[in-house]
Amino acid sequence: MNINVLRLDHRSKRDARITTHVCLTSRAFGASKIYLGGEEDEKLMKNVEDVVKRWGGNFKIEYKKNYMNLIEEWQNKGGEVIHLTMYGSQVQDVIGEIRESSKDKLIVVGGSRVPTKVYRKSDYNVSVTKQPHSEVSSLAVFQHMLMDGTEFNLEFDDAVFEVIPTSEGKRVNINEEKKKENMIDN
């Protein structure tokens, strides 16, 4: 199962920080790609690509002007669309069914107001609690439940930096060869 994320209605001036966090969460919790809808934001995309260069993996980011075309293409290729919203079925009630399906997943997270057509076109409208909160937290909880905790063991190939878990202080392995290869200062 391949997991991709679609971030709707990004606004470069207003949403840069939250959209960056959506991208980082997507990557860290097992997605292989994120699509940005809304305004094209080359600076944000370069920042995400830089994270991948430094921290490894082959996560991709791509701008999609017409996200409805992406949703339709995704479904036409046999994939499922899961829209995260507080107005959907409770995640704990549907996650088993979603996880059991081997179909590729496109997880949709909103920005500003999500059009009704996204709700109607989605295979699942899923709520992570029935209360307003961040698309970042919804995405993290959903991906964690979808991955059933296996995201904690993900390996990110070609990393320059790798955190070594420790109860005190900070420990980071630095791959000097990759650092030189990618021309990274720090």
N, C-alpha and C. Protein backbone atom coordinates (compact mmCIF):
# COMPACT_ATOMS: atom_id res chain seq x y z
N MET A 1 0.85 -1.18 0.00
CA MET A 1 0.00 0.00 0.00
C MET A 1 0.89 1.24 0.00
N ASN A 2 0.63 2.11 -0.93
CA ASN A 2 1.34 3.39 -1.05
C ASN A 2 0.47 4.48 -0.44
N ILE A 3 1.06 5.33 0.37
CA ILE A 3 0.32 6.41 1.02
C ILE A 3 0.82 7.74 0.49
N ASN A 4 -0.11 8.55 -0.04
CA ASN A 4 0.16 9.92 -0.46
C ASN A 4 -0.80 10.83 0.28
N VAL A 5 -0.45 12.10 0.34
CA VAL A 5 -1.28 13.09 1.03
C VAL A 5 -1.55 14.24 0.06
N LEU A 6 -2.75 14.77 0.15
CA LEU A 6 -3.13 15.96 -0.62
C LEU A 6 -3.50 17.05 0.37
N ARG A 7 -2.78 18.17 0.33
CA ARG A 7 -3.07 19.33 1.16
C ARG A 7 -3.86 20.31 0.31
N LEU A 8 -5.11 20.57 0.69
CA LEU A 8 -5.98 21.47 -0.08
C LEU A 8 -5.71 22.93 0.27
N ASP A 9 -5.91 23.79 -0.71
CA ASP A 9 -6.02 25.24 -0.53
C ASP A 9 -4.90 25.90 0.27
N HIS A 10 -3.65 25.52 -0.02
CA HIS A 10 -2.52 26.17 0.64
C HIS A 10 -2.48 27.64 0.23
N ARG A 11 -2.30 28.50 1.22
CA ARG A 11 -2.10 29.94 0.99
C ARG A 11 -0.71 30.29 1.49
N SER A 12 0.17 30.69 0.57
CA SER A 12 1.59 30.84 0.90
C SER A 12 1.87 31.82 2.03
N LYS A 13 1.19 32.93 2.08
CA LYS A 13 1.46 33.91 3.14
C LYS A 13 0.90 33.46 4.49
N ARG A 14 -0.26 32.85 4.47
CA ARG A 14 -0.94 32.50 5.72
C ARG A 14 -0.61 31.10 6.24
N ASP A 15 -0.38 30.14 5.35
CA ASP A 15 -0.32 28.73 5.75
C ASP A 15 1.07 28.10 5.68
N ALA A 16 2.11 28.87 5.44
CA ALA A 16 3.43 28.25 5.20
C ALA A 16 3.86 27.34 6.35
N ARG A 17 3.70 27.78 7.57
CA ARG A 17 4.15 26.98 8.71
C ARG A 17 3.31 25.72 8.87
N ILE A 18 2.00 25.84 8.84
CA ILE A 18 1.14 24.67 9.05
C ILE A 18 1.27 23.69 7.89
N THR A 19 1.38 24.18 6.67
CA THR A 19 1.55 23.29 5.52
C THR A 19 2.90 22.58 5.60
N THR A 20 3.93 23.27 6.04
CA THR A 20 5.23 22.62 6.25
C THR A 20 5.08 21.48 7.24
N HIS A 21 4.35 21.72 8.31
CA HIS A 21 4.15 20.67 9.32
C HIS A 21 3.32 19.51 8.77
N VAL A 22 2.36 19.80 7.91
CA VAL A 22 1.62 18.72 7.23
C VAL A 22 2.58 17.89 6.40
N CYS A 23 3.48 18.54 5.68
CA CYS A 23 4.46 17.82 4.86
C CYS A 23 5.38 16.96 5.71
N LEU A 24 5.92 17.53 6.78
CA LEU A 24 6.85 16.80 7.64
C LEU A 24 6.16 15.62 8.31
N THR A 25 4.93 15.81 8.75
CA THR A 25 4.17 14.74 9.38
C THR A 25 3.90 13.63 8.37
N SER A 26 3.49 14.01 7.17
CA SER A 26 3.24 13.02 6.11
C SER A 26 4.44 12.12 5.93
N ARG A 27 5.60 12.73 5.78
CA ARG A 27 6.85 12.01 5.55
C ARG A 27 7.21 11.13 6.74
N ALA A 28 7.23 11.70 7.93
CA ALA A 28 7.67 10.97 9.12
C ALA A 28 6.78 9.79 9.45
N PHE A 29 5.50 9.88 9.08
CA PHE A 29 4.54 8.83 9.41
C PHE A 29 4.27 7.87 8.25
N GLY A 30 5.10 7.91 7.21
CA GLY A 30 5.06 6.86 6.21
C GLY A 30 4.52 7.18 4.83
N ALA A 31 4.14 8.42 4.56
CA ALA A 31 3.71 8.77 3.21
C ALA A 31 4.93 8.87 2.29
N SER A 32 4.73 8.60 1.02
CA SER A 32 5.83 8.71 0.07
C SER A 32 5.78 10.00 -0.74
N LYS A 33 4.62 10.69 -0.69
CA LYS A 33 4.48 11.90 -1.50
C LYS A 33 3.38 12.77 -0.92
N ILE A 34 3.54 14.08 -1.13
CA ILE A 34 2.48 15.03 -0.81
C ILE A 34 2.24 15.91 -2.02
N TYR A 35 0.97 16.18 -2.26
CA TYR A 35 0.55 17.10 -3.31
C TYR A 35 0.02 18.36 -2.64
N LEU A 36 0.40 19.51 -3.17
CA LEU A 36 -0.10 20.78 -2.65
C LEU A 36 -1.11 21.35 -3.62
N GLY A 37 -2.31 21.63 -3.10
CA GLY A 37 -3.31 22.36 -3.86
C GLY A 37 -3.34 23.80 -3.36
N GLY A 38 -3.98 24.67 -4.08
CA GLY A 38 -4.02 26.08 -3.68
C GLY A 38 -2.93 26.84 -4.40
N GLU A 39 -2.28 27.73 -3.66
CA GLU A 39 -1.23 28.55 -4.26
C GLU A 39 0.06 27.74 -4.39
N GLU A 40 0.73 27.91 -5.51
CA GLU A 40 2.05 27.29 -5.67
C GLU A 40 3.04 28.02 -4.77
N ASP A 41 3.87 27.27 -4.07
CA ASP A 41 4.79 27.85 -3.10
C ASP A 41 6.15 27.18 -3.25
N GLU A 42 6.96 27.74 -4.14
CA GLU A 42 8.26 27.14 -4.45
C GLU A 42 9.19 27.12 -3.25
N LYS A 43 9.13 28.16 -2.42
CA LYS A 43 9.99 28.22 -1.23
C LYS A 43 9.66 27.07 -0.28
N LEU A 44 8.39 26.85 -0.01
CA LEU A 44 7.97 25.76 0.86
C LEU A 44 8.41 24.42 0.28
N MET A 45 8.21 24.25 -1.02
CA MET A 45 8.57 22.99 -1.67
C MET A 45 10.08 22.74 -1.57
N LYS A 46 10.87 23.77 -1.76
CA LYS A 46 12.33 23.64 -1.64
C LYS A 46 12.72 23.30 -0.20
N ASN A 47 12.04 23.90 0.78
CA ASN A 47 12.33 23.59 2.18
C ASN A 47 12.06 22.12 2.50
N VAL A 48 10.96 21.60 1.98
CA VAL A 48 10.63 20.18 2.20
C VAL A 48 11.66 19.30 1.50
N GLU A 49 12.04 19.64 0.29
CA GLU A 49 13.06 18.87 -0.42
C GLU A 49 14.39 18.89 0.34
N ASP A 50 14.71 20.02 0.98
CA ASP A 50 15.92 20.13 1.78
C ASP A 50 15.86 19.20 3.00
N VAL A 51 14.70 19.09 3.62
CA VAL A 51 14.54 18.16 4.75
C VAL A 51 14.83 16.74 4.29
N VAL A 52 14.31 16.37 3.12
CA VAL A 52 14.52 15.02 2.59
C VAL A 52 16.01 14.82 2.31
N LYS A 53 16.66 15.82 1.75
CA LYS A 53 18.09 15.72 1.46
C LYS A 53 18.89 15.50 2.75
N ARG A 54 18.51 16.19 3.81
CA ARG A 54 19.23 16.10 5.09
C ARG A 54 18.88 14.84 5.89
N TRP A 55 17.60 14.50 5.92
CA TRP A 55 17.12 13.44 6.82
C TRP A 55 16.79 12.13 6.12
N GLY A 56 16.94 12.09 4.78
CA GLY A 56 16.85 10.84 4.05
C GLY A 56 15.47 10.49 3.54
N GLY A 57 15.43 9.37 2.86
CA GLY A 57 14.19 8.88 2.27
C GLY A 57 14.01 9.42 0.86
N ASN A 58 12.92 9.00 0.25
CA ASN A 58 12.66 9.47 -1.12
C ASN A 58 11.28 10.13 -1.21
N PHE A 59 10.91 10.84 -0.16
CA PHE A 59 9.65 11.57 -0.11
C PHE A 59 9.64 12.65 -1.19
N LYS A 60 8.50 12.79 -1.86
CA LYS A 60 8.36 13.77 -2.95
C LYS A 60 7.27 14.78 -2.61
N ILE A 61 7.40 15.95 -3.19
CA ILE A 61 6.38 16.99 -3.07
C ILE A 61 6.10 17.52 -4.46
N GLU A 62 4.81 17.73 -4.75
CA GLU A 62 4.41 18.17 -6.09
C GLU A 62 3.22 19.11 -5.96
N TYR A 63 3.24 20.15 -6.78
CA TYR A 63 2.12 21.08 -6.83
C TYR A 63 1.07 20.57 -7.80
N LYS A 64 -0.20 20.65 -7.41
CA LYS A 64 -1.33 20.27 -8.27
C LYS A 64 -2.32 21.43 -8.30
N LYS A 65 -2.41 22.08 -9.43
CA LYS A 65 -3.34 23.20 -9.56
C LYS A 65 -4.78 22.73 -9.43
N ASN A 66 -5.12 21.60 -10.07
CA ASN A 66 -6.49 21.09 -10.03
C ASN A 66 -6.51 19.79 -9.23
N TYR A 67 -6.80 19.91 -7.95
CA TYR A 67 -6.76 18.72 -7.09
C TYR A 67 -7.92 17.77 -7.34
N MET A 68 -9.03 18.24 -7.91
CA MET A 68 -10.13 17.32 -8.22
C MET A 68 -9.71 16.34 -9.32
N ASN A 69 -8.91 16.80 -10.28
CA ASN A 69 -8.38 15.90 -11.30
C ASN A 69 -7.50 14.82 -10.66
N LEU A 70 -6.69 15.23 -9.69
CA LEU A 70 -5.84 14.27 -8.97
C LEU A 70 -6.69 13.22 -8.27
N ILE A 71 -7.73 13.65 -7.57
CA ILE A 71 -8.61 12.73 -6.85
C ILE A 71 -9.24 11.73 -7.83
N GLU A 72 -9.74 12.22 -8.95
CA GLU A 72 -10.36 11.34 -9.95
C GLU A 72 -9.34 10.38 -10.56
N GLU A 73 -8.15 10.88 -10.88
CA GLU A 73 -7.09 10.02 -11.43
C GLU A 73 -6.71 8.93 -10.43
N TRP A 74 -6.61 9.32 -9.18
CA TRP A 74 -6.23 8.39 -8.11
C TRP A 74 -7.25 7.23 -8.05
N GLN A 75 -8.51 7.59 -8.05
CA GLN A 75 -9.56 6.57 -7.98
C GLN A 75 -9.63 5.74 -9.26
N ASN A 76 -9.42 6.37 -10.40
CA ASN A 76 -9.44 5.64 -11.68
C ASN A 76 -8.32 4.61 -11.76
N LYS A 77 -7.23 4.86 -11.03
CA LYS A 77 -6.11 3.91 -10.99
C LYS A 77 -6.29 2.87 -9.88
N GLY A 78 -7.45 2.88 -9.22
CA GLY A 78 -7.74 1.87 -8.21
C GLY A 78 -7.43 2.26 -6.78
N GLY A 79 -7.04 3.51 -6.55
CA GLY A 79 -6.71 3.96 -5.20
C GLY A 79 -7.93 4.46 -4.44
N GLU A 80 -7.77 4.58 -3.13
CA GLU A 80 -8.83 5.10 -2.26
C GLU A 80 -8.49 6.51 -1.81
N VAL A 81 -9.54 7.31 -1.63
CA VAL A 81 -9.39 8.67 -1.14
C VAL A 81 -10.01 8.75 0.24
N ILE A 82 -9.20 9.17 1.22
CA ILE A 82 -9.65 9.31 2.60
C ILE A 82 -9.53 10.78 2.98
N HIS A 83 -10.67 11.41 3.20
CA HIS A 83 -10.72 12.82 3.55
C HIS A 83 -10.83 12.94 5.07
N LEU A 84 -9.88 13.62 5.70
CA LEU A 84 -9.91 13.82 7.14
C LEU A 84 -10.71 15.07 7.47
N THR A 85 -11.78 14.89 8.25
CA THR A 85 -12.70 15.96 8.58
C THR A 85 -13.35 15.66 9.92
N MET A 86 -13.76 16.67 10.64
CA MET A 86 -14.45 16.38 11.91
C MET A 86 -15.88 15.93 11.69
N TYR A 87 -16.35 15.94 10.44
CA TYR A 87 -17.74 15.57 10.13
C TYR A 87 -17.87 14.17 9.56
N GLY A 88 -16.86 13.34 9.68
CA GLY A 88 -16.89 12.02 9.07
C GLY A 88 -17.15 10.90 10.06
N SER A 89 -16.99 9.68 9.58
CA SER A 89 -17.07 8.50 10.43
C SER A 89 -15.90 8.53 11.39
N GLN A 90 -16.11 8.06 12.60
CA GLN A 90 -15.05 8.05 13.60
C GLN A 90 -13.92 7.12 13.16
N VAL A 91 -12.69 7.59 13.28
CA VAL A 91 -11.52 6.84 12.82
C VAL A 91 -11.48 5.44 13.43
N GLN A 92 -11.80 5.33 14.69
CA GLN A 92 -11.72 4.02 15.35
C GLN A 92 -12.75 3.03 14.80
N ASP A 93 -13.79 3.53 14.15
CA ASP A 93 -14.81 2.66 13.58
C ASP A 93 -14.48 2.18 12.16
N VAL A 94 -13.62 2.91 11.45
CA VAL A 94 -13.34 2.57 10.05
C VAL A 94 -11.88 2.22 9.75
N ILE A 95 -10.99 2.44 10.70
CA ILE A 95 -9.56 2.24 10.40
C ILE A 95 -9.24 0.80 10.04
N GLY A 96 -9.90 -0.16 10.66
CA GLY A 96 -9.64 -1.57 10.34
C GLY A 96 -9.95 -1.87 8.89
N GLU A 97 -11.09 -1.41 8.42
CA GLU A 97 -11.49 -1.62 7.02
C GLU A 97 -10.52 -0.93 6.07
N ILE A 98 -10.12 0.29 6.40
CA ILE A 98 -9.19 1.04 5.55
C ILE A 98 -7.84 0.35 5.53
N ARG A 99 -7.35 -0.08 6.69
CA ARG A 99 -6.05 -0.73 6.79
C ARG A 99 -6.04 -2.07 6.05
N GLU A 100 -7.13 -2.82 6.11
CA GLU A 100 -7.20 -4.14 5.46
C GLU A 100 -7.16 -4.05 3.93
N SER A 101 -7.59 -2.93 3.38
CA SER A 101 -7.57 -2.76 1.93
C SER A 101 -6.13 -2.51 1.48
N SER A 102 -5.73 -3.25 0.46
CA SER A 102 -4.37 -3.09 -0.06
C SER A 102 -4.27 -1.93 -1.06
N LYS A 103 -5.39 -1.26 -1.31
CA LYS A 103 -5.39 -0.16 -2.27
C LYS A 103 -4.50 0.98 -1.77
N ASP A 104 -3.87 1.67 -2.74
CA ASP A 104 -3.10 2.86 -2.39
C ASP A 104 -4.02 3.90 -1.80
N LYS A 105 -3.49 4.69 -0.87
CA LYS A 105 -4.28 5.67 -0.14
C LYS A 105 -3.86 7.09 -0.50
N LEU A 106 -4.85 7.94 -0.74
CA LEU A 106 -4.65 9.37 -0.87
C LEU A 106 -5.40 10.00 0.29
N ILE A 107 -4.65 10.54 1.25
CA ILE A 107 -5.24 11.17 2.43
C ILE A 107 -5.37 12.65 2.15
N VAL A 108 -6.58 13.17 2.26
CA VAL A 108 -6.85 14.57 1.96
C VAL A 108 -7.03 15.34 3.25
N VAL A 109 -6.27 16.43 3.40
CA VAL A 109 -6.45 17.32 4.55
C VAL A 109 -6.76 18.71 4.03
N GLY A 110 -7.69 19.36 4.68
CA GLY A 110 -8.18 20.66 4.23
C GLY A 110 -7.25 21.80 4.56
N GLY A 111 -7.62 22.93 4.04
CA GLY A 111 -6.97 24.19 4.33
C GLY A 111 -8.06 25.11 4.82
N SER A 112 -8.55 25.94 3.94
CA SER A 112 -9.70 26.77 4.30
C SER A 112 -10.95 25.91 4.17
N ARG A 113 -12.02 26.43 3.71
CA ARG A 113 -13.27 25.67 3.59
C ARG A 113 -13.15 24.60 2.50
N VAL A 114 -13.47 23.36 2.86
CA VAL A 114 -13.39 22.24 1.92
C VAL A 114 -14.69 22.17 1.12
N PRO A 115 -14.60 22.15 -0.21
CA PRO A 115 -15.80 22.09 -1.03
C PRO A 115 -16.57 20.77 -0.84
N THR A 116 -17.87 20.84 -0.97
CA THR A 116 -18.74 19.68 -0.83
C THR A 116 -18.33 18.56 -1.78
N LYS A 117 -17.84 18.91 -2.97
CA LYS A 117 -17.46 17.90 -3.95
C LYS A 117 -16.34 16.99 -3.43
N VAL A 118 -15.50 17.48 -2.54
CA VAL A 118 -14.44 16.64 -1.96
C VAL A 118 -15.07 15.60 -1.04
N TYR A 119 -16.04 16.02 -0.23
CA TYR A 119 -16.75 15.09 0.65
C TYR A 119 -17.44 14.00 -0.18
N ARG A 120 -18.10 14.41 -1.24
CA ARG A 120 -18.87 13.46 -2.07
C ARG A 120 -17.97 12.50 -2.84
N LYS A 121 -16.84 12.98 -3.29
CA LYS A 121 -15.95 12.17 -4.12
C LYS A 121 -15.09 11.21 -3.29
N SER A 122 -14.87 11.52 -2.02
CA SER A 122 -14.01 10.69 -1.17
C SER A 122 -14.64 9.33 -0.90
N ASP A 123 -13.79 8.31 -0.83
CA ASP A 123 -14.26 6.98 -0.46
C ASP A 123 -14.61 6.93 1.02
N TYR A 124 -13.86 7.68 1.81
CA TYR A 124 -14.10 7.78 3.25
C TYR A 124 -13.97 9.23 3.69
N ASN A 125 -14.89 9.69 4.51
CA ASN A 125 -14.75 10.94 5.25
C ASN A 125 -14.56 10.50 6.69
N VAL A 126 -13.37 10.80 7.23
CA VAL A 126 -12.97 10.23 8.52
C VAL A 126 -12.72 11.35 9.52
N SER A 127 -13.30 11.16 10.70
CA SER A 127 -13.14 12.12 11.78
C SER A 127 -12.17 11.58 12.83
N VAL A 128 -11.19 12.40 13.18
CA VAL A 128 -10.30 12.11 14.29
C VAL A 128 -10.75 13.05 15.41
N THR A 129 -11.65 12.57 16.21
CA THR A 129 -12.44 13.28 17.23
C THR A 129 -13.55 14.07 16.55
N LYS A 130 -14.48 14.51 17.33
CA LYS A 130 -15.60 15.30 16.82
C LYS A 130 -15.44 16.77 17.19
N GLN A 131 -14.21 17.16 17.43
CA GLN A 131 -13.91 18.53 17.85
C GLN A 131 -12.95 19.19 16.86
N PRO A 132 -13.02 20.51 16.76
CA PRO A 132 -12.07 21.20 15.88
C PRO A 132 -10.65 21.08 16.43
N HIS A 133 -9.73 20.79 15.57
CA HIS A 133 -8.30 20.81 15.89
C HIS A 133 -7.51 20.86 14.59
N SER A 134 -6.25 20.69 14.66
CA SER A 134 -5.35 20.90 13.53
C SER A 134 -5.35 19.75 12.54
N GLU A 135 -5.19 20.09 11.26
CA GLU A 135 -5.02 19.06 10.24
C GLU A 135 -3.74 18.27 10.47
N VAL A 136 -2.75 18.89 11.12
CA VAL A 136 -1.51 18.18 11.44
C VAL A 136 -1.78 17.06 12.45
N SER A 137 -2.53 17.38 13.49
CA SER A 137 -2.82 16.35 14.49
C SER A 137 -3.71 15.26 13.91
N SER A 138 -4.69 15.63 13.11
CA SER A 138 -5.55 14.62 12.48
C SER A 138 -4.72 13.69 11.60
N LEU A 139 -3.84 14.27 10.82
CA LEU A 139 -3.01 13.47 9.93
C LEU A 139 -2.10 12.54 10.71
N ALA A 140 -1.47 13.04 11.76
CA ALA A 140 -0.57 12.21 12.56
C ALA A 140 -1.31 11.04 13.20
N VAL A 141 -2.45 11.32 13.81
CA VAL A 141 -3.22 10.25 14.45
C VAL A 141 -3.69 9.24 13.41
N PHE A 142 -4.23 9.74 12.30
CA PHE A 142 -4.73 8.83 11.27
C PHE A 142 -3.61 7.96 10.71
N GLN A 143 -2.49 8.58 10.33
CA GLN A 143 -1.39 7.79 9.76
C GLN A 143 -0.85 6.80 10.78
N HIS A 144 -0.78 7.18 12.04
CA HIS A 144 -0.32 6.26 13.08
C HIS A 144 -1.25 5.05 13.15
N MET A 145 -2.54 5.30 13.13
CA MET A 145 -3.49 4.19 13.19
C MET A 145 -3.45 3.36 11.91
N LEU A 146 -3.30 4.01 10.77
CA LEU A 146 -3.21 3.29 9.50
C LEU A 146 -1.97 2.40 9.47
N MET A 147 -0.86 2.92 9.93
CA MET A 147 0.41 2.18 9.92
C MET A 147 0.50 1.20 11.09
N ASP A 148 -0.45 1.27 12.01
CA ASP A 148 -0.50 0.38 13.17
C ASP A 148 0.81 0.42 13.96
N GLY A 149 1.40 1.59 14.03
CA GLY A 149 2.63 1.78 14.81
C GLY A 149 3.92 1.46 14.09
N THR A 150 3.85 0.93 12.88
CA THR A 150 5.08 0.54 12.17
C THR A 150 5.90 1.75 11.72
N GLU A 151 5.29 2.94 11.73
CA GLU A 151 6.04 4.13 11.33
C GLU A 151 7.19 4.42 12.29
N PHE A 152 7.10 3.89 13.52
CA PHE A 152 8.19 4.10 14.49
C PHE A 152 9.46 3.39 14.07
N ASN A 153 9.36 2.41 13.18
CA ASN A 153 10.51 1.64 12.75
C ASN A 153 10.95 1.96 11.32
N LEU A 154 10.40 3.02 10.74
CA LEU A 154 10.78 3.37 9.37
C LEU A 154 12.25 3.76 9.30
N GLU A 155 12.90 3.33 8.24
CA GLU A 155 14.28 3.71 7.96
C GLU A 155 14.26 4.68 6.79
N PHE A 156 15.04 5.74 6.87
CA PHE A 156 15.11 6.74 5.81
C PHE A 156 16.50 6.66 5.18
N ASP A 157 16.56 6.03 4.00
CA ASP A 157 17.82 5.82 3.30
C ASP A 157 18.49 7.14 2.93
N ASP A 158 19.81 7.09 2.84
CA ASP A 158 20.63 8.21 2.38
C ASP A 158 20.55 9.44 3.28
N ALA A 159 20.29 9.24 4.56
CA ALA A 159 20.22 10.37 5.49
C ALA A 159 21.61 10.92 5.79
N VAL A 160 21.70 12.23 5.87
CA VAL A 160 22.91 12.88 6.35
C VAL A 160 22.88 12.87 7.87
N PHE A 161 21.72 13.17 8.44
CA PHE A 161 21.56 13.23 9.90
C PHE A 161 20.62 12.13 10.37
N GLU A 162 20.96 11.52 11.50
CA GLU A 162 20.10 10.51 12.11
C GLU A 162 20.13 10.70 13.62
N VAL A 163 18.96 10.91 14.20
CA VAL A 163 18.86 11.09 15.65
C VAL A 163 19.00 9.73 16.32
N ILE A 164 19.81 9.69 17.36
CA ILE A 164 19.98 8.50 18.17
C ILE A 164 19.19 8.74 19.46
N PRO A 165 18.11 7.98 19.68
CA PRO A 165 17.29 8.21 20.87
C PRO A 165 18.09 8.08 22.16
N THR A 166 17.88 9.01 23.05
CA THR A 166 18.55 9.02 24.34
C THR A 166 17.66 9.74 25.34
N SER A 167 17.72 9.34 26.59
CA SER A 167 16.86 9.96 27.60
C SER A 167 17.36 11.34 28.01
N GLU A 168 18.63 11.64 27.75
CA GLU A 168 19.17 12.96 28.09
C GLU A 168 20.07 13.44 26.97
N GLY A 169 20.04 14.74 26.73
CA GLY A 169 20.90 15.34 25.72
C GLY A 169 20.44 15.05 24.30
N LYS A 170 21.30 15.41 23.36
CA LYS A 170 21.00 15.21 21.94
C LYS A 170 22.14 14.42 21.33
N ARG A 171 21.80 13.34 20.64
CA ARG A 171 22.78 12.54 19.93
C ARG A 171 22.35 12.44 18.48
N VAL A 172 23.23 12.83 17.58
CA VAL A 172 22.95 12.79 16.15
C VAL A 172 24.15 12.19 15.44
N ASN A 173 23.90 11.16 14.66
CA ASN A 173 24.94 10.64 13.77
C ASN A 173 24.95 11.48 12.51
N ILE A 174 26.14 11.83 12.06
CA ILE A 174 26.27 12.59 10.82
C ILE A 174 27.06 11.76 9.83
N ASN A 175 26.47 11.51 8.68
CA ASN A 175 27.13 10.78 7.61
C ASN A 175 27.93 11.81 6.81
N GLU A 176 29.23 11.92 7.13
CA GLU A 176 30.08 12.95 6.52
C GLU A 176 30.16 12.82 5.00
N GLU A 177 30.15 11.59 4.51
CA GLU A 177 30.21 11.36 3.07
C GLU A 177 28.96 11.95 2.39
N LYS A 178 27.78 11.64 2.95
CA LYS A 178 26.53 12.19 2.40
C LYS A 178 26.47 13.69 2.56
N LYS A 179 27.02 14.18 3.65
CA LYS A 179 27.03 15.62 3.91
C LYS A 179 27.82 16.34 2.80
N LYS A 180 28.99 15.82 2.48
CA LYS A 180 29.80 16.41 1.40
C LYS A 180 29.11 16.26 0.06
N GLU A 181 28.56 15.06 -0.18
CA GLU A 181 27.88 14.76 -1.44
C GLU A 181 26.70 15.73 -1.69
N ASN A 182 25.99 16.04 -0.64
CA ASN A 182 24.81 16.94 -0.75
C ASN A 182 25.16 18.39 -0.48
N MET A 183 26.44 18.69 -0.22
CA MET A 183 26.91 20.05 0.05
C MET A 183 26.08 20.73 1.14
N ILE A 184 26.02 20.06 2.28
CA ILE A 184 25.25 20.56 3.42
C ILE A 184 26.21 21.12 4.46
N ASP A 185 25.91 22.35 4.91
CA ASP A 185 26.73 22.96 5.95
C ASP A 185 26.42 22.34 7.31
N ASN A 186 25.19 22.39 7.73
CA ASN A 186 24.72 21.79 8.99
C ASN A 186 23.28 21.70 9.04
